[in-house]
Amino acid sequence: FRAQWGLRFDTLSAIMVMIVALISFLVHIYSIGYMRHDPCIPRFMAYPSFFTFMMLILVTAYDFIQLFFGWEGVGLCSYLLIGFWYKNQDYNDAAKKAFIMNRIGDLGLLIGIFILGHFILYVRLCYFENSYCWRNPYRYILVISCCTVFVYWCNRKISTNSFIHLVT
């Protein structure tokens, strides 16, 4: 099992960095105007900045361990932003539900990463771009772990997570 910390800048990650930076810039500009009368604006502005940092780690991840670190950071920022007005009990409850649902979804990603690390012994993302990894004797486990990662990514990012902590 080998894991390294690094930044990966290929064409896709460069495009994603530009998209994250542009959207983050627009959110920050909007937030300055929206929160101008709130007494806790420094605390609030720290959360989108931390979110941007974690998203940049996520889109430039060199391996699945770093991707998971960025993923968890984005989930933490989601919890902090939903529960920003902590004196309102409804917002606190929604933040707790979001945090719990994120942990359930992240468990699948973690299981997929452990499967890759145990059977494939390699968790770098560039390994999966090469065609020779699909000739590996463990290629079926590779497919299962990739499906596990994808299914739990869908749980985290599509409707399940959004509706559970916002509707209930």
N, C-alpha and C. Protein backbone atom coordinates (compact mmCIF):
# COMPACT_ATOMS: atom_id res chain seq x y z
N PHE A 1 0.85 -1.18 0.00
CA PHE A 1 0.00 0.00 0.00
C PHE A 1 0.89 1.23 0.00
N ARG A 2 0.69 2.08 -0.99
CA ARG A 2 1.47 3.32 -1.08
C ARG A 2 0.51 4.49 -1.24
N ALA A 3 0.73 5.50 -0.47
CA ALA A 3 -0.04 6.73 -0.60
C ALA A 3 0.92 7.91 -0.51
N GLN A 4 0.72 8.88 -1.36
CA GLN A 4 1.56 10.07 -1.38
C GLN A 4 0.68 11.30 -1.36
N TRP A 5 1.22 12.37 -0.82
CA TRP A 5 0.51 13.65 -0.84
C TRP A 5 1.10 14.48 -1.96
N GLY A 6 0.26 14.93 -2.85
CA GLY A 6 0.74 15.75 -3.95
C GLY A 6 -0.42 16.43 -4.65
N LEU A 7 -0.08 17.31 -5.54
CA LEU A 7 -1.08 17.99 -6.33
C LEU A 7 -0.99 17.49 -7.76
N ARG A 8 -2.12 17.27 -8.36
CA ARG A 8 -2.16 16.76 -9.73
C ARG A 8 -2.80 17.83 -10.61
N PHE A 9 -2.05 18.29 -11.59
CA PHE A 9 -2.56 19.30 -12.51
C PHE A 9 -2.51 18.78 -13.93
N ASP A 10 -3.59 18.17 -14.34
CA ASP A 10 -3.76 17.81 -15.73
C ASP A 10 -4.82 18.74 -16.30
N THR A 11 -5.28 18.48 -17.49
CA THR A 11 -6.25 19.37 -18.13
C THR A 11 -7.56 19.41 -17.36
N LEU A 12 -8.05 18.27 -16.95
CA LEU A 12 -9.31 18.22 -16.22
C LEU A 12 -9.22 18.95 -14.88
N SER A 13 -8.16 18.70 -14.12
CA SER A 13 -8.04 19.36 -12.82
C SER A 13 -7.82 20.86 -12.99
N ALA A 14 -7.14 21.29 -14.04
CA ALA A 14 -6.97 22.73 -14.28
C ALA A 14 -8.31 23.40 -14.58
N ILE A 15 -9.14 22.73 -15.37
CA ILE A 15 -10.48 23.27 -15.65
C ILE A 15 -11.30 23.32 -14.37
N MET A 16 -11.23 22.27 -13.56
CA MET A 16 -11.99 22.24 -12.32
C MET A 16 -11.49 23.30 -11.34
N VAL A 17 -10.19 23.56 -11.29
CA VAL A 17 -9.65 24.61 -10.43
C VAL A 17 -10.21 25.96 -10.86
N MET A 18 -10.26 26.20 -12.16
CA MET A 18 -10.81 27.48 -12.64
C MET A 18 -12.29 27.61 -12.29
N ILE A 19 -13.05 26.53 -12.45
CA ILE A 19 -14.48 26.57 -12.12
C ILE A 19 -14.69 26.81 -10.63
N VAL A 20 -13.95 26.09 -9.78
CA VAL A 20 -14.07 26.26 -8.34
C VAL A 20 -13.68 27.68 -7.93
N ALA A 21 -12.61 28.19 -8.50
CA ALA A 21 -12.16 29.54 -8.15
C ALA A 21 -13.18 30.59 -8.58
N LEU A 22 -13.73 30.45 -9.77
CA LEU A 22 -14.72 31.42 -10.25
C LEU A 22 -15.99 31.40 -9.40
N ILE A 23 -16.52 30.22 -9.16
CA ILE A 23 -17.75 30.13 -8.36
C ILE A 23 -17.48 30.59 -6.93
N SER A 24 -16.34 30.24 -6.39
CA SER A 24 -16.00 30.69 -5.04
C SER A 24 -15.89 32.21 -4.98
N PHE A 25 -15.30 32.81 -5.98
CA PHE A 25 -15.20 34.27 -6.04
C PHE A 25 -16.59 34.90 -6.04
N LEU A 26 -17.47 34.37 -6.86
CA LEU A 26 -18.83 34.91 -6.93
C LEU A 26 -19.59 34.71 -5.61
N VAL A 27 -19.43 33.57 -4.98
CA VAL A 27 -20.08 33.32 -3.70
C VAL A 27 -19.55 34.27 -2.63
N HIS A 28 -18.25 34.50 -2.62
CA HIS A 28 -17.68 35.42 -1.65
C HIS A 28 -18.20 36.85 -1.86
N ILE A 29 -18.26 37.29 -3.10
CA ILE A 29 -18.78 38.64 -3.39
C ILE A 29 -20.24 38.74 -2.94
N TYR A 30 -21.05 37.76 -3.27
CA TYR A 30 -22.45 37.77 -2.86
C TYR A 30 -22.58 37.75 -1.33
N SER A 31 -21.75 36.93 -0.68
CA SER A 31 -21.83 36.79 0.77
C SER A 31 -21.47 38.08 1.50
N ILE A 32 -20.54 38.84 0.95
CA ILE A 32 -20.18 40.11 1.58
C ILE A 32 -21.39 41.03 1.65
N GLY A 33 -22.14 41.12 0.57
CA GLY A 33 -23.33 41.95 0.57
C GLY A 33 -24.46 41.36 1.41
N TYR A 34 -24.64 40.06 1.34
CA TYR A 34 -25.73 39.41 2.04
C TYR A 34 -25.54 39.46 3.56
N MET A 35 -24.32 39.32 4.02
CA MET A 35 -24.04 39.23 5.45
C MET A 35 -23.57 40.55 6.05
N ARG A 36 -23.69 41.66 5.35
CA ARG A 36 -23.10 42.91 5.81
C ARG A 36 -23.66 43.39 7.15
N HIS A 37 -24.86 43.00 7.51
CA HIS A 37 -25.45 43.45 8.77
C HIS A 37 -25.33 42.41 9.88
N ASP A 38 -24.73 41.28 9.59
CA ASP A 38 -24.59 40.22 10.59
C ASP A 38 -23.35 40.51 11.45
N PRO A 39 -23.45 40.38 12.77
CA PRO A 39 -22.29 40.66 13.62
C PRO A 39 -21.19 39.59 13.53
N CYS A 40 -21.51 38.42 12.99
CA CYS A 40 -20.54 37.31 12.94
C CYS A 40 -19.96 37.11 11.54
N ILE A 41 -19.81 38.18 10.77
CA ILE A 41 -19.34 38.04 9.40
C ILE A 41 -17.92 37.43 9.30
N PRO A 42 -16.99 37.72 10.22
CA PRO A 42 -15.67 37.06 10.09
C PRO A 42 -15.76 35.54 10.20
N ARG A 43 -16.59 35.05 11.12
CA ARG A 43 -16.76 33.60 11.27
C ARG A 43 -17.41 33.02 10.02
N PHE A 44 -18.43 33.71 9.50
CA PHE A 44 -19.10 33.21 8.31
C PHE A 44 -18.15 33.18 7.11
N MET A 45 -17.37 34.23 6.91
CA MET A 45 -16.49 34.29 5.74
C MET A 45 -15.36 33.25 5.81
N ALA A 46 -15.05 32.79 7.00
CA ALA A 46 -14.05 31.73 7.12
C ALA A 46 -14.56 30.42 6.54
N TYR A 47 -15.87 30.16 6.65
CA TYR A 47 -16.42 28.89 6.19
C TYR A 47 -16.37 28.73 4.67
N PRO A 48 -16.81 29.72 3.87
CA PRO A 48 -16.67 29.55 2.42
C PRO A 48 -15.20 29.50 1.97
N SER A 49 -14.34 30.20 2.69
CA SER A 49 -12.91 30.15 2.34
C SER A 49 -12.35 28.76 2.60
N PHE A 50 -12.72 28.17 3.72
CA PHE A 50 -12.29 26.81 4.03
C PHE A 50 -12.89 25.82 3.04
N PHE A 51 -14.15 26.05 2.65
CA PHE A 51 -14.80 25.21 1.65
C PHE A 51 -14.03 25.26 0.33
N THR A 52 -13.63 26.46 -0.08
CA THR A 52 -12.87 26.61 -1.32
C THR A 52 -11.54 25.86 -1.24
N PHE A 53 -10.86 25.99 -0.11
CA PHE A 53 -9.60 25.28 0.08
C PHE A 53 -9.79 23.77 -0.04
N MET A 54 -10.82 23.24 0.59
CA MET A 54 -11.07 21.81 0.54
C MET A 54 -11.48 21.35 -0.86
N MET A 55 -12.25 22.17 -1.56
CA MET A 55 -12.62 21.82 -2.94
C MET A 55 -11.39 21.80 -3.84
N LEU A 56 -10.46 22.72 -3.63
CA LEU A 56 -9.23 22.72 -4.42
C LEU A 56 -8.38 21.50 -4.11
N ILE A 57 -8.35 21.07 -2.86
CA ILE A 57 -7.66 19.82 -2.53
C ILE A 57 -8.35 18.65 -3.22
N LEU A 58 -9.67 18.66 -3.23
CA LEU A 58 -10.44 17.58 -3.84
C LEU A 58 -10.18 17.48 -5.34
N VAL A 59 -10.20 18.59 -6.05
CA VAL A 59 -10.06 18.52 -7.51
C VAL A 59 -8.62 18.36 -7.97
N THR A 60 -7.65 18.58 -7.09
CA THR A 60 -6.26 18.37 -7.47
C THR A 60 -5.65 17.16 -6.75
N ALA A 61 -6.49 16.27 -6.25
CA ALA A 61 -6.02 15.13 -5.47
C ALA A 61 -5.11 14.23 -6.31
N TYR A 62 -4.02 13.82 -5.69
CA TYR A 62 -3.05 12.94 -6.33
C TYR A 62 -3.42 11.48 -6.13
N ASP A 63 -4.10 11.17 -5.04
CA ASP A 63 -4.53 9.81 -4.78
C ASP A 63 -5.86 9.82 -4.03
N PHE A 64 -6.40 8.64 -3.79
CA PHE A 64 -7.71 8.54 -3.16
C PHE A 64 -7.70 8.99 -1.70
N ILE A 65 -6.59 8.87 -1.02
CA ILE A 65 -6.50 9.31 0.37
C ILE A 65 -6.67 10.83 0.43
N GLN A 66 -5.99 11.54 -0.44
CA GLN A 66 -6.12 12.99 -0.49
C GLN A 66 -7.52 13.39 -0.95
N LEU A 67 -8.08 12.63 -1.88
CA LEU A 67 -9.45 12.89 -2.33
C LEU A 67 -10.42 12.75 -1.16
N PHE A 68 -10.22 11.73 -0.33
CA PHE A 68 -11.08 11.53 0.83
C PHE A 68 -10.92 12.67 1.84
N PHE A 69 -9.71 13.15 2.02
CA PHE A 69 -9.46 14.28 2.92
C PHE A 69 -10.22 15.52 2.44
N GLY A 70 -10.14 15.82 1.15
CA GLY A 70 -10.89 16.95 0.61
C GLY A 70 -12.39 16.75 0.71
N TRP A 71 -12.83 15.53 0.48
CA TRP A 71 -14.25 15.18 0.56
C TRP A 71 -14.78 15.41 1.97
N GLU A 72 -14.02 14.98 2.97
CA GLU A 72 -14.42 15.17 4.36
C GLU A 72 -14.43 16.65 4.73
N GLY A 73 -13.47 17.40 4.22
CA GLY A 73 -13.44 18.83 4.49
C GLY A 73 -14.65 19.55 3.92
N VAL A 74 -15.07 19.15 2.72
CA VAL A 74 -16.27 19.73 2.12
C VAL A 74 -17.49 19.37 2.96
N GLY A 75 -17.56 18.16 3.47
CA GLY A 75 -18.67 17.77 4.34
C GLY A 75 -18.68 18.55 5.64
N LEU A 76 -17.50 18.80 6.21
CA LEU A 76 -17.41 19.59 7.43
C LEU A 76 -17.89 21.03 7.17
N CYS A 77 -17.49 21.59 6.05
CA CYS A 77 -17.93 22.95 5.71
C CYS A 77 -19.43 23.00 5.49
N SER A 78 -19.99 21.96 4.92
CA SER A 78 -21.44 21.89 4.75
C SER A 78 -22.12 21.95 6.11
N TYR A 79 -21.62 21.18 7.06
CA TYR A 79 -22.17 21.19 8.41
C TYR A 79 -22.06 22.58 9.04
N LEU A 80 -20.90 23.21 8.90
CA LEU A 80 -20.69 24.52 9.50
C LEU A 80 -21.57 25.60 8.88
N LEU A 81 -21.75 25.54 7.57
CA LEU A 81 -22.57 26.56 6.91
C LEU A 81 -24.06 26.37 7.20
N ILE A 82 -24.52 25.12 7.23
CA ILE A 82 -25.94 24.88 7.53
C ILE A 82 -26.25 25.31 8.96
N GLY A 83 -25.34 25.07 9.88
CA GLY A 83 -25.57 25.41 11.27
C GLY A 83 -24.96 26.73 11.69
N PHE A 84 -24.78 27.65 10.74
CA PHE A 84 -24.13 28.93 11.07
C PHE A 84 -24.88 29.69 12.15
N TRP A 85 -26.18 29.82 12.01
CA TRP A 85 -26.97 30.51 13.04
C TRP A 85 -27.32 29.48 14.10
N TYR A 86 -26.38 29.18 14.95
CA TYR A 86 -26.47 28.08 15.90
C TYR A 86 -27.51 28.31 17.00
N LYS A 87 -27.99 29.53 17.17
CA LYS A 87 -29.00 29.79 18.21
C LYS A 87 -30.38 29.31 17.80
N ASN A 88 -30.57 29.03 16.51
CA ASN A 88 -31.84 28.51 16.01
C ASN A 88 -31.78 26.98 16.05
N GLN A 89 -32.63 26.36 16.83
CA GLN A 89 -32.60 24.90 17.00
C GLN A 89 -32.88 24.15 15.71
N ASP A 90 -33.73 24.69 14.83
CA ASP A 90 -34.02 24.02 13.56
C ASP A 90 -32.77 23.94 12.69
N TYR A 91 -31.98 24.99 12.67
CA TYR A 91 -30.74 24.98 11.89
C TYR A 91 -29.73 24.00 12.48
N ASN A 92 -29.68 23.93 13.81
CA ASN A 92 -28.79 22.96 14.45
C ASN A 92 -29.18 21.53 14.10
N ASP A 93 -30.48 21.25 14.14
CA ASP A 93 -30.95 19.91 13.81
C ASP A 93 -30.65 19.57 12.36
N ALA A 94 -30.86 20.52 11.45
CA ALA A 94 -30.57 20.28 10.04
C ALA A 94 -29.08 20.03 9.83
N ALA A 95 -28.23 20.77 10.53
CA ALA A 95 -26.78 20.58 10.41
C ALA A 95 -26.37 19.21 10.92
N LYS A 96 -26.96 18.77 12.02
CA LYS A 96 -26.64 17.44 12.55
C LYS A 96 -27.06 16.34 11.59
N LYS A 97 -28.26 16.48 11.01
CA LYS A 97 -28.73 15.48 10.05
C LYS A 97 -27.83 15.43 8.83
N ALA A 98 -27.41 16.61 8.35
CA ALA A 98 -26.51 16.65 7.20
C ALA A 98 -25.18 15.98 7.53
N PHE A 99 -24.67 16.24 8.72
CA PHE A 99 -23.39 15.66 9.13
C PHE A 99 -23.48 14.14 9.21
N ILE A 100 -24.56 13.64 9.80
CA ILE A 100 -24.73 12.18 9.94
C ILE A 100 -24.90 11.53 8.57
N MET A 101 -25.70 12.14 7.70
CA MET A 101 -25.89 11.56 6.36
C MET A 101 -24.60 11.60 5.56
N ASN A 102 -23.80 12.64 5.73
CA ASN A 102 -22.51 12.70 5.04
C ASN A 102 -21.59 11.58 5.53
N ARG A 103 -21.60 11.29 6.83
CA ARG A 103 -20.75 10.23 7.35
C ARG A 103 -21.18 8.87 6.81
N ILE A 104 -22.49 8.66 6.69
CA ILE A 104 -22.98 7.39 6.14
C ILE A 104 -22.53 7.25 4.69
N GLY A 105 -22.67 8.29 3.91
CA GLY A 105 -22.23 8.25 2.52
C GLY A 105 -20.73 8.10 2.39
N ASP A 106 -19.98 8.75 3.29
CA ASP A 106 -18.52 8.68 3.23
C ASP A 106 -17.98 7.32 3.62
N LEU A 107 -18.76 6.57 4.37
CA LEU A 107 -18.33 5.23 4.73
C LEU A 107 -18.13 4.37 3.48
N GLY A 108 -19.02 4.53 2.50
CA GLY A 108 -18.86 3.78 1.26
C GLY A 108 -17.61 4.17 0.50
N LEU A 109 -17.30 5.45 0.46
CA LEU A 109 -16.08 5.89 -0.18
C LEU A 109 -14.86 5.31 0.53
N LEU A 110 -14.89 5.32 1.84
CA LEU A 110 -13.79 4.78 2.62
C LEU A 110 -13.63 3.28 2.39
N ILE A 111 -14.76 2.55 2.32
CA ILE A 111 -14.70 1.11 2.04
C ILE A 111 -14.08 0.86 0.67
N GLY A 112 -14.50 1.64 -0.33
CA GLY A 112 -13.92 1.50 -1.67
C GLY A 112 -12.42 1.77 -1.68
N ILE A 113 -11.98 2.78 -0.94
CA ILE A 113 -10.55 3.10 -0.88
C ILE A 113 -9.79 1.97 -0.18
N PHE A 114 -10.35 1.42 0.90
CA PHE A 114 -9.68 0.30 1.58
C PHE A 114 -9.61 -0.93 0.70
N ILE A 115 -10.65 -1.20 -0.07
CA ILE A 115 -10.61 -2.34 -1.00
C ILE A 115 -9.50 -2.13 -2.01
N LEU A 116 -9.42 -0.94 -2.56
CA LEU A 116 -8.35 -0.65 -3.52
C LEU A 116 -6.98 -0.80 -2.89
N GLY A 117 -6.82 -0.26 -1.69
CA GLY A 117 -5.53 -0.33 -1.02
C GLY A 117 -5.13 -1.74 -0.64
N HIS A 118 -6.10 -2.56 -0.28
CA HIS A 118 -5.79 -3.92 0.16
C HIS A 118 -5.52 -4.87 -1.01
N PHE A 119 -6.36 -4.84 -2.02
CA PHE A 119 -6.22 -5.80 -3.11
C PHE A 119 -5.35 -5.30 -4.25
N ILE A 120 -5.43 -4.02 -4.54
CA ILE A 120 -4.66 -3.49 -5.67
C ILE A 120 -3.32 -2.97 -5.20
N LEU A 121 -3.24 -2.61 -3.91
CA LEU A 121 -2.02 -2.11 -3.28
C LEU A 121 -1.55 -0.79 -3.88
N TYR A 122 -2.44 -0.06 -4.44
CA TYR A 122 -2.08 1.19 -5.08
C TYR A 122 -3.31 2.09 -5.10
N VAL A 123 -3.21 3.29 -4.58
CA VAL A 123 -4.38 4.15 -4.53
C VAL A 123 -4.20 5.45 -5.31
N ARG A 124 -3.16 5.54 -6.12
CA ARG A 124 -2.98 6.75 -6.92
C ARG A 124 -3.98 6.78 -8.06
N LEU A 125 -4.51 7.96 -8.33
CA LEU A 125 -5.53 8.10 -9.37
C LEU A 125 -4.99 7.83 -10.76
N CYS A 126 -3.74 8.21 -11.02
CA CYS A 126 -3.19 8.02 -12.37
C CYS A 126 -3.03 6.55 -12.71
N TYR A 127 -2.96 5.66 -11.71
CA TYR A 127 -2.86 4.23 -11.95
C TYR A 127 -4.06 3.72 -12.74
N PHE A 128 -5.22 4.31 -12.50
CA PHE A 128 -6.45 3.83 -13.11
C PHE A 128 -6.64 4.37 -14.52
N GLU A 129 -5.81 5.30 -14.94
CA GLU A 129 -5.89 5.80 -16.32
C GLU A 129 -5.17 4.85 -17.28
N ASN A 130 -4.25 4.07 -16.77
CA ASN A 130 -3.47 3.19 -17.62
C ASN A 130 -4.24 1.91 -17.91
N SER A 131 -4.15 1.44 -19.12
CA SER A 131 -4.92 0.27 -19.52
C SER A 131 -4.40 -1.01 -18.86
N TYR A 132 -3.12 -1.05 -18.45
CA TYR A 132 -2.60 -2.28 -17.88
C TYR A 132 -3.21 -2.61 -16.52
N CYS A 133 -3.78 -1.63 -15.84
CA CYS A 133 -4.38 -1.95 -14.54
C CYS A 133 -5.62 -2.82 -14.72
N TRP A 134 -6.24 -2.77 -15.88
CA TRP A 134 -7.44 -3.59 -16.12
C TRP A 134 -7.07 -5.03 -16.47
N ARG A 135 -5.77 -5.30 -16.70
CA ARG A 135 -5.32 -6.68 -16.91
C ARG A 135 -4.85 -7.31 -15.61
N ASN A 136 -4.99 -6.59 -14.52
CA ASN A 136 -4.62 -7.05 -13.20
C ASN A 136 -5.50 -8.25 -12.83
N PRO A 137 -4.94 -9.25 -12.14
CA PRO A 137 -5.78 -10.39 -11.74
C PRO A 137 -6.91 -10.00 -10.79
N TYR A 138 -6.79 -8.87 -10.14
CA TYR A 138 -7.83 -8.38 -9.23
C TYR A 138 -8.76 -7.39 -9.91
N ARG A 139 -8.89 -7.46 -11.23
CA ARG A 139 -9.68 -6.44 -11.93
C ARG A 139 -11.15 -6.45 -11.54
N TYR A 140 -11.69 -7.59 -11.12
CA TYR A 140 -13.08 -7.63 -10.69
C TYR A 140 -13.26 -6.90 -9.36
N ILE A 141 -12.29 -7.02 -8.49
CA ILE A 141 -12.33 -6.28 -7.24
C ILE A 141 -12.17 -4.79 -7.53
N LEU A 142 -11.37 -4.46 -8.53
CA LEU A 142 -11.22 -3.07 -8.95
C LEU A 142 -12.55 -2.51 -9.41
N VAL A 143 -13.29 -3.27 -10.19
CA VAL A 143 -14.60 -2.82 -10.67
C VAL A 143 -15.56 -2.67 -9.50
N ILE A 144 -15.57 -3.62 -8.57
CA ILE A 144 -16.45 -3.54 -7.40
C ILE A 144 -16.12 -2.32 -6.56
N SER A 145 -14.85 -2.08 -6.32
CA SER A 145 -14.49 -0.93 -5.49
C SER A 145 -14.81 0.39 -6.18
N CYS A 146 -14.61 0.46 -7.49
CA CYS A 146 -14.98 1.67 -8.22
C CYS A 146 -16.49 1.88 -8.19
N CYS A 147 -17.25 0.82 -8.29
CA CYS A 147 -18.72 0.94 -8.20
C CYS A 147 -19.13 1.39 -6.80
N THR A 148 -18.46 0.86 -5.77
CA THR A 148 -18.74 1.28 -4.39
C THR A 148 -18.49 2.77 -4.22
N VAL A 149 -17.36 3.23 -4.73
CA VAL A 149 -17.03 4.65 -4.65
C VAL A 149 -18.08 5.48 -5.39
N PHE A 150 -18.48 5.03 -6.56
CA PHE A 150 -19.45 5.79 -7.36
C PHE A 150 -20.83 5.82 -6.70
N VAL A 151 -21.28 4.67 -6.19
CA VAL A 151 -22.61 4.62 -5.57
C VAL A 151 -22.67 5.54 -4.36
N TYR A 152 -21.64 5.52 -3.55
CA TYR A 152 -21.66 6.37 -2.36
C TYR A 152 -21.41 7.83 -2.70
N TRP A 153 -20.74 8.09 -3.80
CA TRP A 153 -20.64 9.47 -4.27
C TRP A 153 -22.02 9.97 -4.67
N CYS A 154 -22.78 9.13 -5.33
CA CYS A 154 -24.15 9.52 -5.70
C CYS A 154 -24.99 9.78 -4.46
N ASN A 155 -24.85 8.94 -3.44
CA ASN A 155 -25.59 9.14 -2.18
C ASN A 155 -25.25 10.49 -1.58
N ARG A 156 -24.02 10.87 -1.68
CA ARG A 156 -23.58 12.11 -1.05
C ARG A 156 -24.03 13.33 -1.84
N LYS A 157 -23.95 13.26 -3.13
CA LYS A 157 -24.10 14.47 -3.92
C LYS A 157 -25.43 14.65 -4.61
N ILE A 158 -26.18 13.60 -4.79
CA ILE A 158 -27.45 13.78 -5.50
C ILE A 158 -28.55 13.98 -4.47
N SER A 159 -29.72 13.60 -4.74
CA SER A 159 -30.88 14.03 -3.96
C SER A 159 -30.98 13.46 -2.56
N THR A 160 -30.52 12.27 -2.30
CA THR A 160 -30.77 11.63 -1.01
C THR A 160 -30.32 12.51 0.15
N ASN A 161 -29.09 12.92 0.11
CA ASN A 161 -28.54 13.71 1.20
C ASN A 161 -29.20 15.08 1.29
N SER A 162 -29.44 15.72 0.19
CA SER A 162 -29.99 17.07 0.20
C SER A 162 -31.38 17.10 0.82
N PHE A 163 -32.23 16.17 0.43
CA PHE A 163 -33.60 16.21 0.89
C PHE A 163 -33.74 15.76 2.34
N ILE A 164 -32.96 14.83 2.80
CA ILE A 164 -33.14 14.31 4.15
C ILE A 164 -32.86 15.38 5.19
N HIS A 165 -31.79 16.16 5.05
CA HIS A 165 -31.51 17.13 6.10
C HIS A 165 -32.25 18.45 5.89
N LEU A 166 -32.80 18.70 4.73
CA LEU A 166 -33.52 19.95 4.52
C LEU A 166 -35.03 19.81 4.73
N VAL A 167 -35.58 18.65 4.39
CA VAL A 167 -37.04 18.48 4.46
C VAL A 167 -37.48 18.09 5.86
N THR A 168 -36.76 17.16 6.50
CA THR A 168 -37.21 16.66 7.80
C THR A 168 -36.82 17.59 8.93
